[in-house]
Amino acid sequence: MPEGSAGEFEQMVLLALLHLGDEAYGVPVVDEIHRRTGREVLRPAVYVALRRLERKGLVQSRMGAPRPERGGRARKHYTVTPAGLDLVRDARAAWLAMWDGLQPRLDR
């Protein structure tokens, strides 16, 4: 896959991040994908995808403040970068173009 591209699951992670906003981290991403698609998603798969997306420059991360209810551990928050937004826009346009005109065949 070329640099800056993303597979289907990575695109779902990007979309979940966009739905969740700037305070998104791994667990809510899992929950958002499940809520919107019904797919059971393993937490480690989301963390692997987030690391890949960050290496590709499609998301960036930052450490949040330590959380007392989590034993002082900080969460890693993710934000979609401008390159990630461009990728999501391009992927949406490509899928819409591919779906265009198929409804009569799907209604058979």
PDB file of N, CA and C in Angstrom:
ATOM      1  N   MET A   1       0.852  -1.179   0.000  1.00  0.00           N
ATOM      2  CA  MET A   1       0.000   0.000   0.000  1.00  0.00           C
ATOM      3  C   MET A   1       0.897   1.241   0.000  1.00  0.00           C
ATOM      4  N   PRO A   2       0.644   2.211  -0.857  1.00  0.00           N
ATOM      5  CA  PRO A   2       1.491   3.397  -0.904  1.00  0.00           C
ATOM      6  C   PRO A   2       1.437   4.199   0.394  1.00  0.00           C
ATOM      7  N   GLU A   3       2.523   4.927   0.643  1.00  0.00           N
ATOM      8  CA  GLU A   3       2.578   5.811   1.817  1.00  0.00           C
ATOM      9  C   GLU A   3       1.414   6.791   1.762  1.00  0.00           C
ATOM     10  N   GLY A   4       0.758   7.027   2.895  1.00  0.00           N
ATOM     11  CA  GLY A   4      -0.361   7.957   2.930  1.00  0.00           C
ATOM     12  C   GLY A   4      -1.681   7.329   2.538  1.00  0.00           C
ATOM     13  N   SER A   5      -1.684   6.033   2.226  1.00  0.00           N
ATOM     14  CA  SER A   5      -2.941   5.365   1.918  1.00  0.00           C
ATOM     15  C   SER A   5      -3.418   4.619   3.169  1.00  0.00           C
ATOM     16  N   ALA A   6      -4.644   4.134   3.122  1.00  0.00           N
ATOM     17  CA  ALA A   6      -5.189   3.418   4.273  1.00  0.00           C
ATOM     18  C   ALA A   6      -6.170   2.368   3.788  1.00  0.00           C
ATOM     19  N   GLY A   7      -6.103   1.192   4.401  1.00  0.00           N
ATOM     20  CA  GLY A   7      -7.043   0.135   4.094  1.00  0.00           C
ATOM     21  C   GLY A   7      -8.395   0.401   4.739  1.00  0.00           C
ATOM     22  N   GLU A   8      -9.315  -0.523   4.519  1.00  0.00           N
ATOM     23  CA  GLU A   8     -10.682  -0.341   5.019  1.00  0.00           C
ATOM     24  C   GLU A   8     -10.727  -0.159   6.535  1.00  0.00           C
ATOM     25  N   PHE A   9     -10.035  -1.003   7.280  1.00  0.00           N
ATOM     26  CA  PHE A   9     -10.087  -0.895   8.733  1.00  0.00           C
ATOM     27  C   PHE A   9      -9.453   0.410   9.203  1.00  0.00           C
ATOM     28  N   GLU A  10      -8.324   0.780   8.605  1.00  0.00           N
ATOM     29  CA  GLU A  10      -7.696   2.046   8.972  1.00  0.00           C
ATOM     30  C   GLU A  10      -8.632   3.220   8.679  1.00  0.00           C
ATOM     31  N   GLN A  11      -9.368   3.146   7.576  1.00  0.00           N
ATOM     32  CA  GLN A  11     -10.331   4.203   7.275  1.00  0.00           C
ATOM     33  C   GLN A  11     -11.430   4.253   8.326  1.00  0.00           C
ATOM     34  N   MET A  12     -11.882   3.092   8.800  1.00  0.00           N
ATOM     35  CA  MET A  12     -12.883   3.079   9.877  1.00  0.00           C
ATOM     36  C   MET A  12     -12.334   3.740  11.136  1.00  0.00           C
ATOM     37  N   VAL A  13     -11.076   3.480  11.441  1.00  0.00           N
ATOM     38  CA  VAL A  13     -10.454   4.098  12.615  1.00  0.00           C
ATOM     39  C   VAL A  13     -10.398   5.614  12.429  1.00  0.00           C
ATOM     40  N   LEU A  14     -10.005   6.075  11.239  1.00  0.00           N
ATOM     41  CA  LEU A  14      -9.984   7.514  10.965  1.00  0.00           C
ATOM     42  C   LEU A  14     -11.366   8.131  11.143  1.00  0.00           C
ATOM     43  N   LEU A  15     -12.382   7.470  10.596  1.00  0.00           N
ATOM     44  CA  LEU A  15     -13.745   7.987  10.711  1.00  0.00           C
ATOM     45  C   LEU A  15     -14.211   8.007  12.165  1.00  0.00           C
ATOM     46  N   ALA A  16     -13.873   6.976  12.924  1.00  0.00           N
ATOM     47  CA  ALA A  16     -14.233   6.952  14.348  1.00  0.00           C
ATOM     48  C   ALA A  16     -13.567   8.117  15.072  1.00  0.00           C
ATOM     49  N   LEU A  17     -12.289   8.377  14.765  1.00  0.00           N
ATOM     50  CA  LEU A  17     -11.604   9.500  15.388  1.00  0.00           C
ATOM     51  C   LEU A  17     -12.304  10.816  15.065  1.00  0.00           C
ATOM     52  N   LEU A  18     -12.732  10.974  13.820  1.00  0.00           N
ATOM     53  CA  LEU A  18     -13.427  12.203  13.437  1.00  0.00           C
ATOM     54  C   LEU A  18     -14.754  12.338  14.180  1.00  0.00           C
ATOM     55  N   HIS A  19     -15.474  11.241  14.346  1.00  0.00           N
ATOM     56  CA  HIS A  19     -16.734  11.287  15.098  1.00  0.00           C
ATOM     57  C   HIS A  19     -16.494  11.643  16.559  1.00  0.00           C
ATOM     58  N   LEU A  20     -15.405  11.133  17.127  1.00  0.00           N
ATOM     59  CA  LEU A  20     -15.150  11.310  18.563  1.00  0.00           C
ATOM     60  C   LEU A  20     -14.515  12.649  18.912  1.00  0.00           C
ATOM     61  N   GLY A  21     -13.817  13.261  17.996  1.00  0.00           N
ATOM     62  CA  GLY A  21     -13.185  14.549  18.271  1.00  0.00           C
ATOM     63  C   GLY A  21     -11.784  14.412  18.832  1.00  0.00           C
ATOM     64  N   ASP A  22     -11.233  15.530  19.286  1.00  0.00           N
ATOM     65  CA  ASP A  22      -9.828  15.604  19.671  1.00  0.00           C
ATOM     66  C   ASP A  22      -9.463  14.842  20.937  1.00  0.00           C
ATOM     67  N   GLU A  23     -10.398  14.414  21.706  1.00  0.00           N
ATOM     68  CA  GLU A  23     -10.087  13.671  22.929  1.00  0.00           C
ATOM     69  C   GLU A  23     -10.155  12.163  22.717  1.00  0.00           C
ATOM     70  N   ALA A  24     -10.140  11.719  21.477  1.00  0.00           N
ATOM     71  CA  ALA A  24     -10.298  10.294  21.176  1.00  0.00           C
ATOM     72  C   ALA A  24      -9.063   9.499  21.592  1.00  0.00           C
ATOM     73  N   TYR A  25      -9.307   8.320  22.106  1.00  0.00           N
ATOM     74  CA  TYR A  25      -8.243   7.366  22.410  1.00  0.00           C
ATOM     75  C   TYR A  25      -8.776   5.976  22.089  1.00  0.00           C
ATOM     76  N   GLY A  26      -7.958   4.967  22.258  1.00  0.00           N
ATOM     77  CA  GLY A  26      -8.246   3.627  21.773  1.00  0.00           C
ATOM     78  C   GLY A  26      -9.588   3.025  22.123  1.00  0.00           C
ATOM     79  N   VAL A  27      -9.953   2.993  23.389  1.00  0.00           N
ATOM     80  CA  VAL A  27     -11.188   2.317  23.807  1.00  0.00           C
ATOM     81  C   VAL A  27     -12.435   2.944  23.171  1.00  0.00           C
ATOM     82  N   PRO A  28     -12.606   4.259  23.193  1.00  0.00           N
ATOM     83  CA  PRO A  28     -13.778   4.817  22.522  1.00  0.00           C
ATOM     84  C   PRO A  28     -13.790   4.562  21.016  1.00  0.00           C
ATOM     85  N   VAL A  29     -12.611   4.437  20.396  1.00  0.00           N
ATOM     86  CA  VAL A  29     -12.565   4.111  18.965  1.00  0.00           C
ATOM     87  C   VAL A  29     -13.167   2.726  18.741  1.00  0.00           C
ATOM     88  N   VAL A  30     -12.785   1.770  19.563  1.00  0.00           N
ATOM     89  CA  VAL A  30     -13.357   0.417  19.493  1.00  0.00           C
ATOM     90  C   VAL A  30     -14.873   0.492  19.618  1.00  0.00           C
ATOM     91  N   ASP A  31     -15.346   1.213  20.621  1.00  0.00           N
ATOM     92  CA  ASP A  31     -16.780   1.324  20.880  1.00  0.00           C
ATOM     93  C   ASP A  31     -17.516   2.019  19.732  1.00  0.00           C
ATOM     94  N   GLU A  32     -16.902   3.053  19.161  1.00  0.00           N
ATOM     95  CA  GLU A  32     -17.542   3.807  18.072  1.00  0.00           C
ATOM     96  C   GLU A  32     -17.687   2.952  16.818  1.00  0.00           C
ATOM     97  N   ILE A  33     -16.645   2.198  16.489  1.00  0.00           N
ATOM     98  CA  ILE A  33     -16.726   1.315  15.322  1.00  0.00           C
ATOM     99  C   ILE A  33     -17.804   0.270  15.538  1.00  0.00           C
ATOM    100  N   HIS A  34     -17.848  -0.313  16.725  1.00  0.00           N
ATOM    101  CA  HIS A  34     -18.876  -1.322  17.015  1.00  0.00           C
ATOM    102  C   HIS A  34     -20.274  -0.709  16.964  1.00  0.00           C
ATOM    103  N   ARG A  35     -20.432   0.451  17.556  1.00  0.00           N
ATOM    104  CA  ARG A  35     -21.754   1.099  17.596  1.00  0.00           C
ATOM    105  C   ARG A  35     -22.260   1.420  16.192  1.00  0.00           C
ATOM    106  N   ARG A  36     -21.379   1.898  15.337  1.00  0.00           N
ATOM    107  CA  ARG A  36     -21.800   2.337  14.006  1.00  0.00           C
ATOM    108  C   ARG A  36     -21.883   1.214  12.980  1.00  0.00           C
ATOM    109  N   THR A  37     -21.086   0.149  13.157  1.00  0.00           N
ATOM    110  CA  THR A  37     -21.041  -0.907  12.136  1.00  0.00           C
ATOM    111  C   THR A  37     -21.543  -2.256  12.623  1.00  0.00           C
ATOM    112  N   GLY A  38     -21.597  -2.436  13.941  1.00  0.00           N
ATOM    113  CA  GLY A  38     -21.963  -3.746  14.480  1.00  0.00           C
ATOM    114  C   GLY A  38     -20.801  -4.725  14.484  1.00  0.00           C
ATOM    115  N   ARG A  39     -19.649  -4.310  13.986  1.00  0.00           N
ATOM    116  CA  ARG A  39     -18.476  -5.181  13.947  1.00  0.00           C
ATOM    117  C   ARG A  39     -17.831  -5.274  15.324  1.00  0.00           C
ATOM    118  N   GLU A  40     -17.484  -6.494  15.703  1.00  0.00           N
ATOM    119  CA  GLU A  40     -16.709  -6.690  16.929  1.00  0.00           C
ATOM    120  C   GLU A  40     -15.261  -6.377  16.587  1.00  0.00           C
ATOM    121  N   VAL A  41     -14.691  -5.438  17.303  1.00  0.00           N
ATOM    122  CA  VAL A  41     -13.335  -4.989  17.019  1.00  0.00           C
ATOM    123  C   VAL A  41     -12.464  -5.274  18.234  1.00  0.00           C
ATOM    124  N   LEU A  42     -11.319  -5.877  17.994  1.00  0.00           N
ATOM    125  CA  LEU A  42     -10.387  -6.139  19.081  1.00  0.00           C
ATOM    126  C   LEU A  42      -9.567  -4.890  19.367  1.00  0.00           C
ATOM    127  N   ARG A  43      -9.417  -4.579  20.635  1.00  0.00           N
ATOM    128  CA  ARG A  43      -8.665  -3.393  21.038  1.00  0.00           C
ATOM    129  C   ARG A  43      -7.242  -3.379  20.474  1.00  0.00           C
ATOM    130  N   PRO A  44      -6.516  -4.515  20.528  1.00  0.00           N
ATOM    131  CA  PRO A  44      -5.155  -4.482  19.969  1.00  0.00           C
ATOM    132  C   PRO A  44      -5.131  -4.125  18.475  1.00  0.00           C
ATOM    133  N   ALA A  45      -6.142  -4.527  17.732  1.00  0.00           N
ATOM    134  CA  ALA A  45      -6.188  -4.194  16.300  1.00  0.00           C
ATOM    135  C   ALA A  45      -6.299  -2.684  16.104  1.00  0.00           C
ATOM    136  N   VAL A  46      -7.053  -2.026  16.967  1.00  0.00           N
ATOM    137  CA  VAL A  46      -7.194  -0.570  16.873  1.00  0.00           C
ATOM    138  C   VAL A  46      -5.864   0.097  17.193  1.00  0.00           C
ATOM    139  N   TYR A  47      -5.166  -0.376  18.234  1.00  0.00           N
ATOM    140  CA  TYR A  47      -3.882   0.232  18.590  1.00  0.00           C
ATOM    141  C   TYR A  47      -2.838   0.028  17.488  1.00  0.00           C
ATOM    142  N   VAL A  48      -2.839  -1.124  16.849  1.00  0.00           N
ATOM    143  CA  VAL A  48      -1.924  -1.367  15.724  1.00  0.00           C
ATOM    144  C   VAL A  48      -2.257  -0.411  14.580  1.00  0.00           C
ATOM    145  N   ALA A  49      -3.542  -0.266  14.277  1.00  0.00           N
ATOM    146  CA  ALA A  49      -3.957   0.640  13.201  1.00  0.00           C
ATOM    147  C   ALA A  49      -3.582   2.087  13.537  1.00  0.00           C
ATOM    148  N   LEU A  50      -3.769   2.501  14.775  1.00  0.00           N
ATOM    149  CA  LEU A  50      -3.412   3.867  15.173  1.00  0.00           C
ATOM    150  C   LEU A  50      -1.911   4.116  15.001  1.00  0.00           C
ATOM    151  N   ARG A  51      -1.086   3.128  15.367  1.00  0.00           N
ATOM    152  CA  ARG A  51       0.364   3.286  15.180  1.00  0.00           C
ATOM    153  C   ARG A  51       0.720   3.391  13.698  1.00  0.00           C
ATOM    154  N   ARG A  52       0.089   2.550  12.864  1.00  0.00           N
ATOM    155  CA  ARG A  52       0.344   2.617  11.411  1.00  0.00           C
ATOM    156  C   ARG A  52      -0.081   3.966  10.854  1.00  0.00           C
ATOM    157  N   LEU A  53      -1.271   4.427  11.248  1.00  0.00           N
ATOM    158  CA  LEU A  53      -1.768   5.716  10.765  1.00  0.00           C
ATOM    159  C   LEU A  53      -0.853   6.855  11.199  1.00  0.00           C
ATOM    160  N   GLU A  54      -0.311   6.757  12.395  1.00  0.00           N
ATOM    161  CA  GLU A  54       0.600   7.801  12.861  1.00  0.00           C
ATOM    162  C   GLU A  54       1.902   7.774  12.051  1.00  0.00           C
ATOM    163  N   ARG A  55       2.426   6.582  11.785  1.00  0.00           N
ATOM    164  CA  ARG A  55       3.645   6.472  10.964  1.00  0.00           C
ATOM    165  C   ARG A  55       3.432   7.046   9.567  1.00  0.00           C
ATOM    166  N   LYS A  56       2.216   6.896   9.051  1.00  0.00           N
ATOM    167  CA  LYS A  56       1.890   7.406   7.717  1.00  0.00           C
ATOM    168  C   LYS A  56       1.588   8.909   7.719  1.00  0.00           C
ATOM    169  N   GLY A  57       1.532   9.507   8.899  1.00  0.00           N
ATOM    170  CA  GLY A  57       1.249  10.934   8.996  1.00  0.00           C
ATOM    171  C   GLY A  57      -0.221  11.282   8.878  1.00  0.00           C
ATOM    172  N   LEU A  58      -1.105  10.293   9.063  1.00  0.00           N
ATOM    173  CA  LEU A  58      -2.538  10.505   8.923  1.00  0.00           C
ATOM    174  C   LEU A  58      -3.211  10.846  10.253  1.00  0.00           C
ATOM    175  N   VAL A  59      -2.567  10.517  11.356  1.00  0.00           N
ATOM    176  CA  VAL A  59      -3.017  10.932  12.686  1.00  0.00           C
ATOM    177  C   VAL A  59      -1.794  11.378  13.469  1.00  0.00           C
ATOM    178  N   GLN A  60      -2.038  12.156  14.502  1.00  0.00           N
ATOM    179  CA  GLN A  60      -0.976  12.506  15.446  1.00  0.00           C
ATOM    180  C   GLN A  60      -1.489  12.217  16.842  1.00  0.00           C
ATOM    181  N   SER A  61      -0.557  11.950  17.730  1.00  0.00           N
ATOM    182  CA  SER A  61      -0.954  11.612  19.099  1.00  0.00           C
ATOM    183  C   SER A  61      -0.322  12.597  20.074  1.00  0.00           C
ATOM    184  N   ARG A  62      -0.918  12.634  21.245  1.00  0.00           N
ATOM    185  CA  ARG A  62      -0.380  13.407  22.357  1.00  0.00           C
ATOM    186  C   ARG A  62      -0.804  12.698  23.631  1.00  0.00           C
ATOM    187  N   MET A  63       0.013  12.824  24.648  1.00  0.00           N
ATOM    188  CA  MET A  63      -0.308  12.217  25.931  1.00  0.00           C
ATOM    189  C   MET A  63      -1.174  13.177  26.728  1.00  0.00           C
ATOM    190  N   GLY A  64      -2.262  12.653  27.271  1.00  0.00           N
ATOM    191  CA  GLY A  64      -3.118  13.437  28.146  1.00  0.00           C
ATOM    192  C   GLY A  64      -2.526  13.492  29.547  1.00  0.00           C
ATOM    193  N   ALA A  65      -3.188  14.221  30.403  1.00  0.00           N
ATOM    194  CA  ALA A  65      -2.755  14.312  31.804  1.00  0.00           C
ATOM    195  C   ALA A  65      -3.005  12.975  32.496  1.00  0.00           C
ATOM    196  N   PRO A  66      -2.180  12.633  33.478  1.00  0.00           N
ATOM    197  CA  PRO A  66      -2.430  11.398  34.247  1.00  0.00           C
ATOM    198  C   PRO A  66      -3.820  11.429  34.874  1.00  0.00           C
ATOM    199  N   ARG A  67      -4.447  10.280  34.911  1.00  0.00           N
ATOM    200  CA  ARG A  67      -5.815  10.176  35.414  1.00  0.00           C
ATOM    201  C   ARG A  67      -5.799   9.421  36.736  1.00  0.00           C
ATOM    202  N   PRO A  68      -6.262  10.060  37.804  1.00  0.00           N
ATOM    203  CA  PRO A  68      -6.212   9.414  39.116  1.00  0.00           C
ATOM    204  C   PRO A  68      -7.014   8.110  39.161  1.00  0.00           C
ATOM    205  N   GLU A  69      -8.150   8.043  38.453  1.00  0.00           N
ATOM    206  CA  GLU A  69      -8.964   6.816  38.506  1.00  0.00           C
ATOM    207  C   GLU A  69      -8.333   5.674  37.734  1.00  0.00           C
ATOM    208  N   ARG A  70      -7.257   5.938  37.003  1.00  0.00           N
ATOM    209  CA  ARG A  70      -6.577   4.873  36.269  1.00  0.00           C
ATOM    210  C   ARG A  70      -5.212   4.600  36.885  1.00  0.00           C
ATOM    211  N   GLY A  71      -5.025   4.903  38.142  1.00  0.00           N
ATOM    212  CA  GLY A  71      -3.752   4.646  38.790  1.00  0.00           C
ATOM    213  C   GLY A  71      -2.646   5.577  38.322  1.00  0.00           C
ATOM    214  N   GLY A  72      -3.020   6.765  37.850  1.00  0.00           N
ATOM    215  CA  GLY A  72      -2.030   7.740  37.441  1.00  0.00           C
ATOM    216  C   GLY A  72      -1.567   7.616  36.003  1.00  0.00           C
ATOM    217  N   ARG A  73      -2.080   6.651  35.270  1.00  0.00           N
ATOM    218  CA  ARG A  73      -1.647   6.474  33.881  1.00  0.00           C
ATOM    219  C   ARG A  73      -2.318   7.505  32.977  1.00  0.00           C
ATOM    220  N   ALA A  74      -1.554   8.002  32.020  1.00  0.00           N
ATOM    221  CA  ALA A  74      -2.076   8.954  31.047  1.00  0.00           C
ATOM    222  C   ALA A  74      -2.603   8.202  29.830  1.00  0.00           C
ATOM    223  N   ARG A  75      -3.572   8.795  29.167  1.00  0.00           N
ATOM    224  CA  ARG A  75      -4.102   8.230  27.928  1.00  0.00           C
ATOM    225  C   ARG A  75      -3.416   8.903  26.746  1.00  0.00           C
ATOM    226  N   LYS A  76      -3.274   8.151  25.675  1.00  0.00           N
ATOM    227  CA  LYS A  76      -2.741   8.698  24.437  1.00  0.00           C
ATOM    228  C   LYS A  76      -3.931   9.099  23.568  1.00  0.00           C
ATOM    229  N   HIS A  77      -4.037  10.380  23.275  1.00  0.00           N
ATOM    230  CA  HIS A  77      -5.136  10.910  22.476  1.00  0.00           C
ATOM    231  C   HIS A  77      -4.680  11.089  21.033  1.00  0.00           C
ATOM    232  N   TYR A  78      -5.611  10.894  20.103  1.00  0.00           N
ATOM    233  CA  TYR A  78      -5.295  10.956  18.676  1.00  0.00           C
ATOM    234  C   TYR A  78      -6.154  11.991  17.976  1.00  0.00           C
ATOM    235  N   THR A  79      -5.544  12.648  16.989  1.00  0.00           N
ATOM    236  CA  THR A  79      -6.218  13.629  16.153  1.00  0.00           C
ATOM    237  C   THR A  79      -5.897  13.313  14.698  1.00  0.00           C
ATOM    238  N   VAL A  80      -6.872  13.439  13.827  1.00  0.00           N
ATOM    239  CA  VAL A  80      -6.658  13.238  12.396  1.00  0.00           C
ATOM    240  C   VAL A  80      -5.931  14.471  11.854  1.00  0.00           C
ATOM    241  N   THR A  81      -4.870  14.245  11.101  1.00  0.00           N
ATOM    242  CA  THR A  81      -4.087  15.333  10.517  1.00  0.00           C
ATOM    243  C   THR A  81      -4.755  15.832   9.230  1.00  0.00           C
ATOM    244  N   PRO A  82      -4.298  16.968   8.699  1.00  0.00           N
ATOM    245  CA  PRO A  82      -4.818  17.413   7.401  1.00  0.00           C
ATOM    246  C   PRO A  82      -4.646  16.356   6.301  1.00  0.00           C
ATOM    247  N   ALA A  83      -3.530  15.634   6.317  1.00  0.00           N
ATOM    248  CA  ALA A  83      -3.338  14.558   5.329  1.00  0.00           C
ATOM    249  C   ALA A  83      -4.376  13.457   5.528  1.00  0.00           C
ATOM    250  N   GLY A  84      -4.715  13.155   6.787  1.00  0.00           N
ATOM    251  CA  GLY A  84      -5.752  12.159   7.069  1.00  0.00           C
ATOM    252  C   GLY A  84      -7.112  12.614   6.589  1.00  0.00           C
ATOM    253  N   LEU A  85      -7.414  13.894   6.773  1.00  0.00           N
ATOM    254  CA  LEU A  85      -8.685  14.444   6.274  1.00  0.00           C
ATOM    255  C   LEU A  85      -8.749  14.350   4.754  1.00  0.00           C
ATOM    256  N   ASP A  86      -7.649  14.677   4.087  1.00  0.00           N
ATOM    257  CA  ASP A  86      -7.611  14.570   2.623  1.00  0.00           C
ATOM    258  C   ASP A  86      -7.864  13.138   2.176  1.00  0.00           C
ATOM    259  N   LEU A  87      -7.229  12.186   2.865  1.00  0.00           N
ATOM    260  CA  LEU A  87      -7.416  10.784   2.508  1.00  0.00           C
ATOM    261  C   LEU A  87      -8.877  10.360   2.663  1.00  0.00           C
ATOM    262  N   VAL A  88      -9.494  10.760   3.775  1.00  0.00           N
ATOM    263  CA  VAL A  88     -10.896  10.403   4.016  1.00  0.00           C
ATOM    264  C   VAL A  88     -11.792  11.019   2.946  1.00  0.00           C
ATOM    265  N   ARG A  89     -11.554  12.258   2.596  1.00  0.00           N
ATOM    266  CA  ARG A  89     -12.353  12.916   1.547  1.00  0.00           C
ATOM    267  C   ARG A  89     -12.187  12.196   0.204  1.00  0.00           C
ATOM    268  N   ASP A  90     -10.945  11.870  -0.144  1.00  0.00           N
ATOM    269  CA  ASP A  90     -10.682  11.191  -1.418  1.00  0.00           C
ATOM    270  C   ASP A  90     -11.306   9.804  -1.444  1.00  0.00           C
ATOM    271  N   ALA A  91     -11.212   9.073  -0.331  1.00  0.00           N
ATOM    272  CA  ALA A  91     -11.794   7.728  -0.263  1.00  0.00           C
ATOM    273  C   ALA A  91     -13.312   7.793  -0.399  1.00  0.00           C
ATOM    274  N   ARG A  92     -13.922   8.765   0.251  1.00  0.00           N
ATOM    275  CA  ARG A  92     -15.386   8.925   0.154  1.00  0.00           C
ATOM    276  C   ARG A  92     -15.799   9.215  -1.284  1.00  0.00           C
ATOM    277  N   ALA A  93     -15.088  10.118  -1.936  1.00  0.00           N
ATOM    278  CA  ALA A  93     -15.411  10.457  -3.328  1.00  0.00           C
ATOM    279  C   ALA A  93     -15.257   9.242  -4.236  1.00  0.00           C
ATOM    280  N   ALA A  94     -14.217   8.439  -4.016  1.00  0.00           N
ATOM    281  CA  ALA A  94     -13.999   7.244  -4.837  1.00  0.00           C
ATOM    282  C   ALA A  94     -15.125   6.234  -4.637  1.00  0.00           C
ATOM    283  N   TRP A  95     -15.518   5.994  -3.374  1.00  0.00           N
ATOM    284  CA  TRP A  95     -16.594   5.040  -3.114  1.00  0.00           C
ATOM    285  C   TRP A  95     -17.928   5.531  -3.682  1.00  0.00           C
ATOM    286  N   LEU A  96     -18.212   6.815  -3.541  1.00  0.00           N
ATOM    287  CA  LEU A  96     -19.463   7.345  -4.101  1.00  0.00           C
ATOM    288  C   LEU A  96     -19.483   7.212  -5.621  1.00  0.00           C
ATOM    289  N   ALA A  97     -18.346   7.461  -6.250  1.00  0.00           N
ATOM    290  CA  ALA A  97     -18.270   7.308  -7.709  1.00  0.00           C
ATOM    291  C   ALA A  97     -18.496   5.858  -8.121  1.00  0.00           C
ATOM    292  N   MET A  98     -17.963   4.928  -7.345  1.00  0.00           N
ATOM    293  CA  MET A  98     -18.147   3.505  -7.662  1.00  0.00           C
ATOM    294  C   MET A  98     -19.589   3.057  -7.435  1.00  0.00           C
ATOM    295  N   TRP A  99     -20.266   3.605  -6.432  1.00  0.00           N
ATOM    296  CA  TRP A  99     -21.654   3.237  -6.145  1.00  0.00           C
ATOM    297  C   TRP A  99     -22.634   3.875  -7.118  1.00  0.00           C
ATOM    298  N   ASP A 100     -22.245   4.997  -7.713  1.00  0.00           N
ATOM    299  CA  ASP A 100     -23.141   5.745  -8.588  1.00  0.00           C
ATOM    300  C   ASP A 100     -23.680   4.858  -9.714  1.00  0.00           C
ATOM    301  N   GLY A 101     -24.993   4.822  -9.848  1.00  0.00           N
ATOM    302  CA  GLY A 101     -25.655   4.072 -10.911  1.00  0.00           C
ATOM    303  C   GLY A 101     -25.918   2.608 -10.617  1.00  0.00           C
ATOM    304  N   LEU A 102     -25.538   2.119  -9.454  1.00  0.00           N
ATOM    305  CA  LEU A 102     -25.740   0.700  -9.137  1.00  0.00           C
ATOM    306  C   LEU A 102     -27.109   0.377  -8.552  1.00  0.00           C
ATOM    307  N   GLN A 103     -27.865   1.374  -8.126  1.00  0.00           N
ATOM    308  CA  GLN A 103     -29.120   1.087  -7.440  1.00  0.00           C
ATOM    309  C   GLN A 103     -30.062   0.195  -8.244  1.00  0.00           C
ATOM    310  N   PRO A 104     -30.253   0.433  -9.560  1.00  0.00           N
ATOM    311  CA  PRO A 104     -31.137  -0.472 -10.306  1.00  0.00           C
ATOM    312  C   PRO A 104     -30.687  -1.935 -10.252  1.00  0.00           C
ATOM    313  N   ARG A 105     -29.411  -2.179 -10.279  1.00  0.00           N
ATOM    314  CA  ARG A 105     -28.924  -3.566 -10.193  1.00  0.00           C
ATOM    315  C   ARG A 105     -29.128  -4.149  -8.795  1.00  0.00           C
ATOM    316  N   LEU A 106     -29.033  -3.313  -7.790  1.00  0.00           N
ATOM    317  CA  LEU A 106     -29.203  -3.777  -6.415  1.00  0.00           C
ATOM    318  C   LEU A 106     -30.674  -4.052  -6.082  1.00  0.00           C
ATOM    319  N   ASP A 107     -31.574  -3.392  -6.794  1.00  0.00           N
ATOM    320  CA  ASP A 107     -33.025  -3.542  -6.548  1.00  0.00           C
ATOM    321  C   ASP A 107     -33.609  -4.775  -7.202  1.00  0.00           C
ATOM    322  N   ARG A 108     -32.863  -5.489  -7.980  1.00  0.00           N
ATOM    323  CA  ARG A 108     -33.388  -6.685  -8.692  1.00  0.00           C
ATOM    324  C   ARG A 108     -33.841  -7.751  -7.747  1.00  0.00           C
TER     325      ARG A 108
END
